[in-house]
Amino acid sequence: MKRRKFLQSGSILTLPLMLGGMEVSALTNSGLFNIINGDSDKVLVLIQLNGGNDGLNTVIPLDQYDRLVNARPNVIIPENSILPFTETNGLHPNLGGMKALYDDARMSLVQGVGYPDQNRSHFRSTDIWTTGSSSDEFLTSGWLGRFMNLRYPGYPEGYPDDENPDPFAITLGYIVSETCQGISSNYSIALNNPEELTQIEETIEGSEDSTCYGIELKFIRDSIKQTNAYSESVSTAYDQGNNIAVYDENNPLARQLKIVAKLISGGSKTKIYVVSLGGFDTHAEQVVDGDTTTGIHADLLKTLSDAAYSFQKDLKILGCEERVLSMTFSEFGRRIASNFSNGTDHGSAAPLFIFGKCINPNIIGDNPEIAETVDSQEGVAMQYDFRSIYASVLKDWFDASEEEIRDVLYDNFQYIPIIQSCSSVNTEETSFEVEDIKIYPNPATHFTNVELAVTSETLIRISIFDVLGHQVRVVSERSYSAGNYQVAIDLSDLVSGNYVIEMKSSTGRKAKILSVAK
């Protein structure tokens, strides 16, 4: 086996570590304490919601409620049970903990996060989210792995060292995240031992000569030494750490986050933690027939909300909350229309949640717009590309340069003000130069008009997307000065159905549903 293939397979580096009864896989590059943010000690916690979370039953657009009732009558949350959130949004009644975090300026959400040309396969879409690729691009490295590779291309040789004693990242649970797969090597290892970590035997017979066998034998010995070193550093941080807030031990996500808080408070310099919660693939029995506030999805949302609340409270009491940013992600949302099994099928965009003290505690983006008649395949329209979320986190949390971000992700990322100084709170929503939009006629047959009220000079792109999130075409892309404008759109090539007309600039985005009837 070639050295590169051996590194990528990670066979010797996949030894699960047991802490507090929870299996831990360590994605390592202990140098991130210096790699990502110089002398800073900021931590990113990724909360993966496996299966595709139903965003429309998580954050309910109250201004679209009547149309949602028509589209998903057997799963919709009763209006009198929705948890009050904002004037135009409600939360699932089981999200009380997250509502409390929002009221305390510790939670933000971004509406309509996804990517163009949505793939609805679990495997492919998860691969897109973890690699940071476009839907038609197949990458073999993770978005964080590529970022690390820019700084430490020689890893794992020479690590850990005195300056970098800890793993780069730790994934808790049974799924090792691919986000840290580098270009030529995997920045992850797994460490295995019950509670008190036991060192792996390092004695392997054979000489380390220049033969293929000798070279691979040396690599195995070095890998075992590295695993033992990381095992010791993680064990030390865990023993020295503490938890003060109360966690529900029956909550699987809370158990993972409890370990994360303990490691952080114990002095670990690990920079990335990946935790996960599965079960969101709710094709059937998403809700209990007769009581849509209960069921599989309701239980999952309570698990997420309670765990996030306990974790953030623990970090605050431990004095660590300014160091930690947490963010959810799921491979896709669910379709607007429910199915006949009291469930929902694979969809498109969905809301993404961010937790922490140093966030912009707002709802970023508009409510999804629901048509009067919804196609069975129709998903929520994308407002923000998930890669722009990643880019904004790299820029504001880890001080990455724009050149690095373009190298790691893509050129035309949109900056999103997710993070702000911990000492200031900005409650203003993101600005957008288009104040008002009208589409008429709507429904339309062969043409329609878009009327724009532009408040300041800007470059605006007008595009048409179908219900699956595929871009049909770009109508126009030009600079506008302040004033009122009308843009005519030829619809002769479109078949009957619902479409999304998107207006996008460098600072924001608005979208409207267009119905075409022929």
Protein backbone atom coordinates (compact mmCIF):
# COMPACT_ATOMS: atom_id res chain seq x y z
CA MET A 1 0.00 0.00 0.00
CA LYS A 2 1.31 3.44 -0.89
CA ARG A 3 1.99 5.82 2.00
CA ARG A 4 -0.66 8.27 0.72
CA LYS A 5 -3.28 5.52 0.50
CA PHE A 6 -2.32 4.32 3.97
CA LEU A 7 -2.74 7.80 5.38
CA GLN A 8 -6.12 8.22 3.71
CA SER A 9 -7.42 4.89 4.94
CA GLY A 10 -6.53 5.77 8.54
CA SER A 11 -6.64 2.07 9.52
CA ILE A 12 -4.13 2.33 12.37
CA LEU A 13 -5.59 5.69 13.37
CA THR A 14 -9.12 4.50 14.00
CA LEU A 15 -9.11 3.42 17.62
CA PRO A 16 -12.20 4.73 19.47
CA LEU A 17 -11.59 6.60 22.71
CA MET A 18 -14.07 6.16 25.57
CA LEU A 19 -14.74 9.18 27.76
CA GLY A 20 -17.63 9.15 30.18
CA GLY A 21 -19.05 6.12 28.38
CA MET A 22 -19.10 7.96 25.02
CA GLU A 23 -17.04 6.87 22.03
CA VAL A 24 -14.78 9.67 20.84
CA SER A 25 -13.01 9.91 17.49
CA ALA A 26 -10.24 12.48 17.43
CA LEU A 27 -9.74 14.43 14.20
CA THR A 28 -6.28 15.53 14.91
CA ASN A 29 -4.00 18.35 14.20
CA SER A 30 -3.18 19.76 17.57
CA GLY A 31 -1.50 22.68 15.85
CA LEU A 32 -4.78 24.45 15.13
CA PHE A 33 -4.31 26.48 18.30
CA ASN A 34 -1.71 28.28 16.20
CA ILE A 35 -2.92 27.32 12.73
CA ILE A 36 -6.27 29.00 12.55
CA ASN A 37 -6.19 32.05 14.71
CA GLY A 38 -2.72 32.83 15.94
CA ASP A 39 -2.72 33.35 19.69
CA SER A 40 -6.50 32.96 19.94
CA ASP A 41 -8.21 29.96 21.50
CA LYS A 42 -11.54 30.02 19.70
CA VAL A 43 -13.50 26.80 19.35
CA LEU A 44 -16.05 25.73 16.72
CA VAL A 45 -18.64 23.07 17.58
CA LEU A 46 -20.45 21.54 14.59
CA ILE A 47 -23.81 19.93 15.41
CA GLN A 48 -24.76 17.57 12.59
CA LEU A 49 -28.47 16.73 12.28
CA ASN A 50 -28.38 13.53 10.27
CA GLY A 51 -31.25 12.71 7.94
CA GLY A 52 -32.50 16.12 6.82
CA ASN A 53 -34.33 18.33 9.32
CA ASP A 54 -37.85 19.59 8.52
CA GLY A 55 -37.29 23.33 8.73
CA LEU A 56 -40.94 24.26 8.19
CA ASN A 57 -42.01 22.47 11.37
CA THR A 58 -38.98 23.83 13.23
CA VAL A 59 -39.31 27.54 12.40
CA ILE A 60 -42.90 28.16 11.27
CA PRO A 61 -43.46 31.18 8.97
CA LEU A 62 -46.63 32.61 10.46
CA ASP A 63 -47.25 34.86 7.47
CA GLN A 64 -47.48 31.71 5.30
CA TYR A 65 -49.42 29.59 7.79
CA ASP A 66 -52.68 29.24 5.82
CA ARG A 67 -50.81 28.03 2.75
CA LEU A 68 -48.80 25.59 4.86
CA VAL A 69 -52.03 24.15 6.23
CA ASN A 70 -53.10 23.40 2.65
CA ALA A 71 -49.71 21.90 1.75
CA ARG A 72 -49.08 19.78 4.86
CA PRO A 73 -52.37 19.36 6.73
CA ASN A 74 -51.39 16.11 8.47
CA VAL A 75 -48.09 17.36 9.95
CA ILE A 76 -48.57 21.10 10.50
CA ILE A 77 -48.24 22.35 14.10
CA PRO A 78 -51.58 23.80 15.32
CA GLU A 79 -51.44 27.57 15.39
CA ASN A 80 -52.39 27.73 19.08
CA SER A 81 -49.49 25.40 19.97
CA ILE A 82 -46.74 27.31 18.17
CA LEU A 83 -44.15 28.87 20.49
CA PRO A 84 -44.19 32.68 19.99
CA PHE A 85 -40.88 33.84 18.54
CA THR A 86 -41.15 36.97 16.42
CA GLU A 87 -44.06 38.77 14.75
CA THR A 88 -43.75 36.65 11.62
CA ASN A 89 -42.13 33.47 12.98
CA GLY A 90 -42.99 30.81 15.50
CA LEU A 91 -41.04 27.86 16.86
CA HIS A 92 -41.98 24.25 17.42
CA PRO A 93 -43.38 24.01 20.98
CA ASN A 94 -40.49 21.74 22.01
CA LEU A 95 -37.86 24.44 21.31
CA GLY A 96 -38.25 26.28 24.61
CA GLY A 97 -34.54 26.06 25.39
CA MET A 98 -33.58 27.57 22.04
CA LYS A 99 -36.18 30.30 22.46
CA ALA A 100 -34.58 31.16 25.82
CA LEU A 101 -31.16 31.35 24.14
CA TYR A 102 -32.53 33.68 21.47
CA ASP A 103 -34.09 35.92 24.12
CA ASP A 104 -30.69 36.00 25.86
CA ALA A 105 -28.93 37.00 22.58
CA ARG A 106 -27.22 33.60 22.42
CA MET A 107 -28.86 32.23 19.27
CA SER A 108 -29.16 33.32 15.66
CA LEU A 109 -30.68 31.58 12.66
CA VAL A 110 -30.14 31.91 8.92
CA GLN A 111 -33.16 31.22 6.73
CA GLY A 112 -33.12 29.09 3.59
CA VAL A 113 -29.60 27.61 3.74
CA GLY A 114 -28.78 25.14 0.98
CA TYR A 115 -27.02 25.10 -2.39
CA PRO A 116 -27.98 25.44 -6.06
CA ASP A 117 -29.18 22.29 -7.86
CA GLN A 118 -30.01 20.46 -4.65
CA ASN A 119 -29.14 16.76 -4.56
CA ARG A 120 -31.64 14.80 -2.48
CA SER A 121 -29.50 11.76 -1.79
CA HIS A 122 -28.42 11.50 1.86
CA PHE A 123 -24.96 10.28 0.91
CA ARG A 124 -24.26 12.76 -1.86
CA SER A 125 -25.71 15.78 -0.07
CA THR A 126 -23.83 14.98 3.14
CA ASP A 127 -20.69 14.69 1.02
CA ILE A 128 -21.40 18.14 -0.46
CA TRP A 129 -21.87 19.71 3.00
CA THR A 130 -18.75 18.12 4.51
CA THR A 131 -16.49 18.81 1.54
CA GLY A 132 -17.88 22.27 0.75
CA SER A 133 -18.30 21.40 -2.93
CA SER A 134 -20.87 22.47 -5.50
CA SER A 135 -23.53 19.95 -6.49
CA ASP A 136 -21.68 18.95 -9.67
CA GLU A 137 -18.22 18.84 -8.10
CA PHE A 138 -16.73 15.75 -6.46
CA LEU A 139 -14.04 16.54 -3.89
CA THR A 140 -12.02 14.13 -1.80
CA SER A 141 -11.11 16.63 0.91
CA GLY A 142 -13.12 18.37 3.60
CA TRP A 143 -13.54 22.15 3.83
CA LEU A 144 -11.66 22.35 7.14
CA GLY A 145 -9.10 19.81 5.89
CA ARG A 146 -8.26 22.05 2.94
CA PHE A 147 -7.95 25.05 5.24
CA MET A 148 -5.56 23.15 7.49
CA ASN A 149 -3.64 21.91 4.51
CA LEU A 150 -2.83 25.49 3.54
CA ARG A 151 -1.13 26.01 6.89
CA TYR A 152 0.30 22.59 7.78
CA PRO A 153 0.71 20.53 4.59
CA GLY A 154 3.26 18.22 6.26
CA TYR A 155 0.91 16.82 8.88
CA PRO A 156 0.98 14.26 10.55
CA GLU A 157 4.78 14.09 10.67
CA GLY A 158 6.19 15.82 13.73
CA TYR A 159 2.95 16.06 15.71
CA PRO A 160 2.17 16.41 18.52
CA ASP A 161 4.99 18.62 19.81
CA ASP A 162 5.58 20.83 22.84
CA GLU A 163 3.80 23.76 21.24
CA ASN A 164 0.88 21.70 19.94
CA PRO A 165 0.07 18.91 22.39
CA ASP A 166 -3.63 18.35 21.64
CA PRO A 167 -5.75 16.91 18.84
CA PHE A 168 -6.87 19.34 16.15
CA ALA A 169 -10.49 18.27 16.45
CA ILE A 170 -12.67 15.69 18.14
CA THR A 171 -15.75 13.98 16.81
CA LEU A 172 -18.01 12.44 19.44
CA GLY A 173 -20.15 9.46 18.60
CA TYR A 174 -19.91 6.83 15.92
CA ILE A 175 -19.61 9.07 12.86
CA VAL A 176 -16.19 10.51 12.12
CA SER A 177 -16.70 13.74 10.21
CA GLU A 178 -15.06 14.08 6.81
CA THR A 179 -14.72 17.84 7.23
CA CYS A 180 -11.05 17.46 8.19
CA GLN A 181 -9.92 15.25 5.31
CA GLY A 182 -6.89 16.97 3.81
CA ILE A 183 -5.55 16.88 0.28
CA SER A 184 -3.08 14.03 0.77
CA SER A 185 -3.75 12.83 4.32
CA ASN A 186 -6.61 12.58 6.75
CA TYR A 187 -6.25 14.98 9.64
CA SER A 188 -8.18 12.58 11.85
CA ILE A 189 -7.37 9.76 14.20
CA ALA A 190 -9.53 7.80 16.60
CA LEU A 191 -8.44 6.88 20.10
CA ASN A 192 -9.89 3.89 21.95
CA ASN A 193 -9.85 3.01 25.61
CA PRO A 194 -12.34 2.61 28.40
CA GLU A 195 -12.62 5.57 30.81
CA GLU A 196 -8.97 5.64 31.99
CA LEU A 197 -6.96 5.56 28.79
CA THR A 198 -4.48 2.75 28.34
CA GLN A 199 -1.41 3.17 26.16
CA ILE A 200 -1.15 1.04 23.01
CA GLU A 201 1.81 -1.35 22.93
CA GLU A 202 4.50 0.28 20.77
CA THR A 203 6.77 -2.75 20.33
CA ILE A 204 6.51 -4.13 16.80
CA GLU A 205 9.21 -6.52 15.61
CA GLY A 206 11.18 -5.63 12.53
CA SER A 207 13.85 -3.18 11.42
CA GLU A 208 13.13 0.27 10.01
CA ASP A 209 15.28 0.06 6.88
CA SER A 210 14.73 1.71 3.50
CA THR A 211 12.63 -1.15 2.17
CA CYS A 212 8.90 -0.71 1.59
CA TYR A 213 8.25 -2.86 4.67
CA GLY A 214 10.66 -0.83 6.79
CA ILE A 215 9.17 2.50 5.72
CA GLU A 216 5.60 1.35 6.46
CA LEU A 217 6.70 -0.18 9.78
CA LYS A 218 8.19 3.17 10.84
CA PHE A 219 4.95 4.88 9.88
CA ILE A 220 2.92 2.44 12.01
CA ARG A 221 5.22 2.95 14.99
CA ASP A 222 5.04 6.74 14.62
CA SER A 223 1.25 6.54 14.36
CA ILE A 224 0.98 4.50 17.57
CA LYS A 225 3.23 6.99 19.38
CA GLN A 226 1.08 9.85 18.12
CA THR A 227 -2.11 8.08 19.19
CA ASN A 228 -0.70 7.48 22.67
CA ALA A 229 0.38 11.11 22.98
CA TYR A 230 -3.04 12.42 21.99
CA SER A 231 -4.71 9.87 24.24
CA GLU A 232 -2.73 11.23 27.17
CA SER A 233 -3.48 14.89 26.40
CA VAL A 234 -7.21 14.26 25.99
CA SER A 235 -7.34 12.23 29.20
CA THR A 236 -5.53 14.98 31.11
CA ALA A 237 -7.95 17.68 29.89
CA TYR A 238 -10.94 15.49 30.68
CA ASP A 239 -9.71 14.78 34.22
CA GLN A 240 -8.99 18.47 34.85
CA GLY A 241 -12.26 19.71 33.34
CA ASN A 242 -15.58 20.35 35.00
CA ASN A 243 -19.32 20.58 34.33
CA ILE A 244 -21.57 22.79 36.42
CA ALA A 245 -24.85 22.97 34.47
CA VAL A 246 -27.26 20.04 34.62
CA TYR A 247 -27.42 17.79 31.54
CA ASP A 248 -30.07 15.16 30.89
CA GLU A 249 -28.10 11.89 30.84
CA ASN A 250 -30.85 10.31 28.73
CA ASN A 251 -30.26 12.93 26.03
CA PRO A 252 -27.63 11.56 23.59
CA LEU A 253 -26.67 15.00 22.24
CA ALA A 254 -26.43 16.46 25.75
CA ARG A 255 -24.01 13.67 26.74
CA GLN A 256 -21.76 14.58 23.82
CA LEU A 257 -21.85 18.32 24.52
CA LYS A 258 -21.19 17.69 28.21
CA ILE A 259 -17.90 16.02 27.28
CA VAL A 260 -17.05 18.92 24.95
CA ALA A 261 -17.63 21.46 27.74
CA LYS A 262 -15.51 19.41 30.14
CA LEU A 263 -12.62 19.15 27.70
CA ILE A 264 -12.72 22.89 26.95
CA SER A 265 -12.81 23.80 30.63
CA GLY A 266 -10.00 21.31 31.27
CA GLY A 267 -7.60 23.31 29.11
CA SER A 268 -7.72 21.36 25.84
CA LYS A 269 -6.53 23.38 22.87
CA THR A 270 -8.65 21.32 20.47
CA LYS A 271 -10.34 23.74 18.10
CA ILE A 272 -13.05 21.73 16.34
CA TYR A 273 -15.66 19.44 17.88
CA VAL A 274 -18.21 17.54 15.81
CA VAL A 275 -21.29 16.12 17.54
CA SER A 276 -24.28 14.53 15.89
CA LEU A 277 -27.92 13.63 16.34
CA GLY A 278 -29.58 11.18 13.94
CA GLY A 279 -33.14 10.28 13.06
CA PHE A 280 -34.26 13.31 11.04
CA ASP A 281 -35.18 11.26 7.94
CA THR A 282 -38.88 11.49 8.81
CA HIS A 283 -40.62 9.95 5.80
CA ALA A 284 -43.22 8.31 8.03
CA GLU A 285 -44.66 9.00 11.49
CA GLN A 286 -42.91 12.33 11.77
CA VAL A 287 -45.89 13.26 13.92
CA VAL A 288 -48.42 11.25 15.88
CA ASP A 289 -51.75 11.04 14.10
CA GLY A 290 -54.15 13.31 15.93
CA ASP A 291 -51.47 15.29 17.80
CA THR A 292 -48.90 16.83 15.47
CA THR A 293 -47.02 18.41 18.38
CA THR A 294 -45.76 14.93 19.29
CA GLY A 295 -43.83 12.25 17.42
CA ILE A 296 -40.34 11.50 16.17
CA HIS A 297 -39.56 15.03 15.01
CA ALA A 298 -40.90 16.62 18.19
CA ASP A 299 -38.67 14.36 20.30
CA LEU A 300 -35.62 15.18 18.18
CA LEU A 301 -36.21 18.92 18.42
CA LYS A 302 -36.56 18.69 22.20
CA THR A 303 -33.29 16.72 22.33
CA LEU A 304 -31.54 19.42 20.27
CA SER A 305 -33.04 22.34 22.18
CA ASP A 306 -32.43 20.98 25.68
CA ALA A 307 -28.85 19.95 24.84
CA ALA A 308 -27.98 23.32 23.28
CA TYR A 309 -29.43 25.16 26.26
CA SER A 310 -27.52 23.10 28.85
CA PHE A 311 -24.27 23.40 26.88
CA GLN A 312 -24.51 27.17 26.49
CA LYS A 313 -25.43 27.58 30.16
CA ASP A 314 -22.47 25.41 31.18
CA LEU A 315 -20.06 27.42 29.03
CA LYS A 316 -21.36 30.65 30.58
CA ILE A 317 -20.92 29.43 34.15
CA LEU A 318 -17.49 27.97 33.34
CA GLY A 319 -16.40 31.30 31.83
CA CYS A 320 -15.79 29.80 28.37
CA GLU A 321 -18.70 31.14 26.32
CA GLU A 322 -16.74 33.87 24.52
CA ARG A 323 -14.42 31.17 23.16
CA VAL A 324 -17.07 28.88 21.67
CA LEU A 325 -19.26 29.11 18.56
CA SER A 326 -21.73 26.30 17.81
CA MET A 327 -23.50 25.71 14.50
CA THR A 328 -26.00 23.16 13.23
CA PHE A 329 -26.05 21.63 9.76
CA SER A 330 -28.18 19.02 8.01
CA GLU A 331 -27.86 17.62 4.50
CA PHE A 332 -31.17 19.13 3.33
CA GLY A 333 -34.59 20.24 4.53
CA ARG A 334 -37.88 18.51 3.77
CA ARG A 335 -40.41 19.20 1.04
CA ILE A 336 -43.13 21.77 1.56
CA ALA A 337 -45.95 19.29 0.99
CA SER A 338 -46.28 16.40 3.43
CA ASN A 339 -46.83 12.81 2.28
CA PHE A 340 -49.62 10.37 3.14
CA SER A 341 -47.58 8.67 5.89
CA ASN A 342 -47.69 11.60 8.32
CA GLY A 343 -44.20 12.50 7.20
CA THR A 344 -42.16 14.59 4.80
CA ASP A 345 -39.75 13.66 2.02
CA HIS A 346 -36.29 14.89 1.02
CA GLY A 347 -36.37 18.59 0.17
CA SER A 348 -34.04 21.52 -0.34
CA ALA A 349 -33.10 24.46 1.91
CA ALA A 350 -33.74 24.81 5.65
CA PRO A 351 -32.85 27.11 8.57
CA LEU A 352 -29.40 26.84 10.15
CA PHE A 353 -28.83 27.72 13.83
CA ILE A 354 -25.80 29.41 15.43
CA PHE A 355 -25.22 29.55 19.19
CA GLY A 356 -22.79 31.61 21.26
CA LYS A 357 -22.16 34.92 22.96
CA CYS A 358 -20.25 36.46 20.05
CA ILE A 359 -23.00 36.16 17.45
CA ASN A 360 -25.36 38.52 15.69
CA PRO A 361 -28.56 37.42 17.52
CA ASN A 362 -31.02 37.90 14.67
CA ILE A 363 -33.01 36.07 12.05
CA ILE A 364 -31.00 36.51 8.88
CA GLY A 365 -33.02 36.22 5.69
CA ASP A 366 -36.71 36.20 4.80
CA ASN A 367 -39.43 33.71 5.56
CA PRO A 368 -39.84 31.12 2.80
CA GLU A 369 -42.66 32.05 0.48
CA ILE A 370 -45.24 29.31 -0.03
CA ALA A 371 -47.40 29.24 -3.17
CA GLU A 372 -51.16 28.68 -3.02
CA THR A 373 -50.68 25.42 -4.89
CA VAL A 374 -47.54 23.44 -4.07
CA ASP A 375 -46.07 20.75 -6.30
CA SER A 376 -45.39 17.47 -4.49
CA GLN A 377 -41.67 17.76 -5.35
CA GLU A 378 -41.28 21.36 -4.25
CA GLY A 379 -38.71 22.27 -1.59
CA VAL A 380 -37.98 25.49 0.25
CA ALA A 381 -36.07 27.92 -1.98
CA MET A 382 -32.44 28.61 -1.17
CA GLN A 383 -31.58 32.08 0.14
CA TYR A 384 -27.99 31.51 1.30
CA ASP A 385 -25.38 29.08 0.01
CA PHE A 386 -24.05 27.02 2.91
CA ARG A 387 -20.52 27.70 1.70
CA SER A 388 -21.10 31.39 2.42
CA ILE A 389 -21.87 30.39 6.03
CA TYR A 390 -18.59 28.48 6.17
CA ALA A 391 -16.72 31.39 4.56
CA SER A 392 -18.15 33.89 7.03
CA VAL A 393 -17.19 31.66 9.98
CA LEU A 394 -13.65 31.23 8.65
CA LYS A 395 -13.33 34.96 8.11
CA ASP A 396 -14.79 36.31 11.36
CA TRP A 397 -14.14 33.46 13.81
CA PHE A 398 -10.81 32.11 12.55
CA ASP A 399 -9.46 35.26 10.85
CA ALA A 400 -8.98 33.58 7.47
CA SER A 401 -8.05 35.84 4.59
CA GLU A 402 -10.33 36.18 1.57
CA GLU A 403 -7.64 34.57 -0.56
CA GLU A 404 -7.60 31.53 1.74
CA ILE A 405 -11.39 31.34 1.73
CA ARG A 406 -11.51 31.42 -2.06
CA ASP A 407 -8.89 28.68 -2.17
CA VAL A 408 -10.77 26.51 0.35
CA LEU A 409 -14.36 27.14 -0.83
CA TYR A 410 -15.26 29.23 -3.89
CA ASP A 411 -14.75 32.65 -5.40
CA ASN A 412 -18.15 34.27 -5.24
CA PHE A 413 -19.02 33.68 -1.60
CA GLN A 414 -21.47 36.07 0.05
CA TYR A 415 -20.37 37.55 3.37
CA ILE A 416 -23.03 37.00 6.05
CA PRO A 417 -22.81 38.91 9.37
CA ILE A 418 -23.17 35.89 11.64
CA ILE A 419 -20.47 36.85 14.15
CA GLN A 420 -19.85 40.12 15.94
CA SER A 421 -17.75 41.43 18.80
CA CYS A 422 -18.76 39.95 22.14
CA SER A 423 -18.88 43.46 23.56
CA SER A 424 -21.55 44.76 21.16
CA VAL A 425 -24.99 43.61 20.11
CA ASN A 426 -26.44 44.58 16.76
CA THR A 427 -30.15 43.93 16.50
CA GLU A 428 -30.54 45.40 13.01
CA GLU A 429 -31.23 42.94 10.22
CA THR A 430 -28.96 42.72 7.21
CA SER A 431 -29.48 45.46 4.68
CA PHE A 432 -30.52 44.98 1.09
CA GLU A 433 -30.70 47.73 -1.51
CA VAL A 434 -34.05 46.57 -2.92
CA GLU A 435 -36.79 47.96 -0.70
CA ASP A 436 -39.83 46.61 -2.51
CA ILE A 437 -40.52 43.99 -5.19
CA LYS A 438 -43.68 43.34 -7.17
CA ILE A 439 -44.33 40.65 -9.78
CA TYR A 440 -47.27 40.99 -12.17
CA PRO A 441 -49.13 39.32 -13.68
CA ASN A 442 -48.88 36.42 -11.24
CA PRO A 443 -49.99 33.77 -12.14
CA ALA A 444 -48.61 34.42 -15.62
CA THR A 445 -48.59 32.64 -18.96
CA HIS A 446 -46.02 33.89 -21.48
CA PHE A 447 -44.48 36.92 -19.72
CA THR A 448 -44.37 38.76 -16.41
CA ASN A 449 -42.83 41.95 -15.01
CA VAL A 450 -40.63 42.49 -11.98
CA GLU A 451 -40.89 45.92 -10.41
CA LEU A 452 -37.97 46.98 -8.18
CA ALA A 453 -37.63 49.89 -5.78
CA VAL A 454 -33.85 50.32 -5.40
CA THR A 455 -32.58 52.44 -2.48
CA SER A 456 -28.88 52.77 -3.37
CA GLU A 457 -26.50 51.99 -6.23
CA THR A 458 -25.75 48.30 -6.48
CA LEU A 459 -25.20 45.34 -8.82
CA ILE A 460 -28.30 43.11 -8.87
CA ARG A 461 -28.69 39.71 -10.49
CA ILE A 462 -32.23 38.48 -11.26
CA SER A 463 -32.55 34.71 -11.71
CA ILE A 464 -35.26 32.07 -12.10
CA PHE A 465 -35.15 28.79 -10.12
CA ASP A 466 -37.46 25.81 -10.36
CA VAL A 467 -39.03 24.06 -7.36
CA LEU A 468 -36.03 21.73 -6.99
CA GLY A 469 -33.65 24.66 -6.64
CA HIS A 470 -32.20 24.33 -10.14
CA GLN A 471 -31.31 27.63 -11.75
CA VAL A 472 -33.35 27.91 -14.94
CA ARG A 473 -31.59 31.02 -16.18
CA VAL A 474 -30.21 34.42 -15.23
CA VAL A 475 -32.66 37.08 -16.42
CA SER A 476 -30.32 40.03 -15.99
CA GLU A 477 -27.25 41.15 -14.11
CA ARG A 478 -26.57 44.89 -14.09
CA SER A 479 -25.90 47.93 -11.94
CA TYR A 480 -28.84 49.96 -10.67
CA SER A 481 -28.81 53.42 -9.14
CA ALA A 482 -31.50 54.48 -6.66
CA GLY A 483 -34.96 54.54 -8.25
CA ASN A 484 -37.85 52.44 -9.52
CA TYR A 485 -37.33 49.90 -12.32
CA GLN A 486 -39.37 47.40 -14.32
CA VAL A 487 -37.85 44.27 -15.82
CA ALA A 488 -39.85 42.21 -18.33
CA ILE A 489 -39.34 38.42 -18.22
CA ASP A 490 -40.13 36.12 -21.15
CA LEU A 491 -41.76 32.91 -19.87
CA SER A 492 -42.33 31.21 -23.22
CA ASP A 493 -39.79 28.45 -22.48
CA LEU A 494 -41.23 27.56 -19.07
CA VAL A 495 -43.77 24.81 -18.47
CA SER A 496 -46.65 25.23 -16.01
CA GLY A 497 -45.66 25.17 -12.34
CA ASN A 498 -44.18 27.24 -9.55
CA TYR A 499 -40.86 29.06 -9.86
CA VAL A 500 -38.76 31.36 -7.67
CA ILE A 501 -37.70 34.78 -8.94
CA GLU A 502 -34.56 35.76 -7.04
CA MET A 503 -33.03 39.26 -6.72
CA LYS A 504 -29.50 39.09 -5.30
CA SER A 505 -26.78 41.64 -4.54
CA SER A 506 -23.54 41.49 -2.55
CA THR A 507 -25.36 42.32 0.70
CA GLY A 508 -28.64 40.46 0.51
CA ARG A 509 -31.27 38.55 -1.35
CA LYS A 510 -35.03 38.62 -1.86
CA ALA A 511 -37.22 36.10 -3.63
CA LYS A 512 -40.81 35.81 -4.78
CA ILE A 513 -42.89 32.86 -5.93
CA LEU A 514 -44.09 33.00 -9.56
CA SER A 515 -46.82 30.68 -10.78
CA VAL A 516 -46.82 29.86 -14.50
CA ALA A 517 -50.12 28.55 -15.91
CA LYS A 518 -50.40 27.58 -19.59
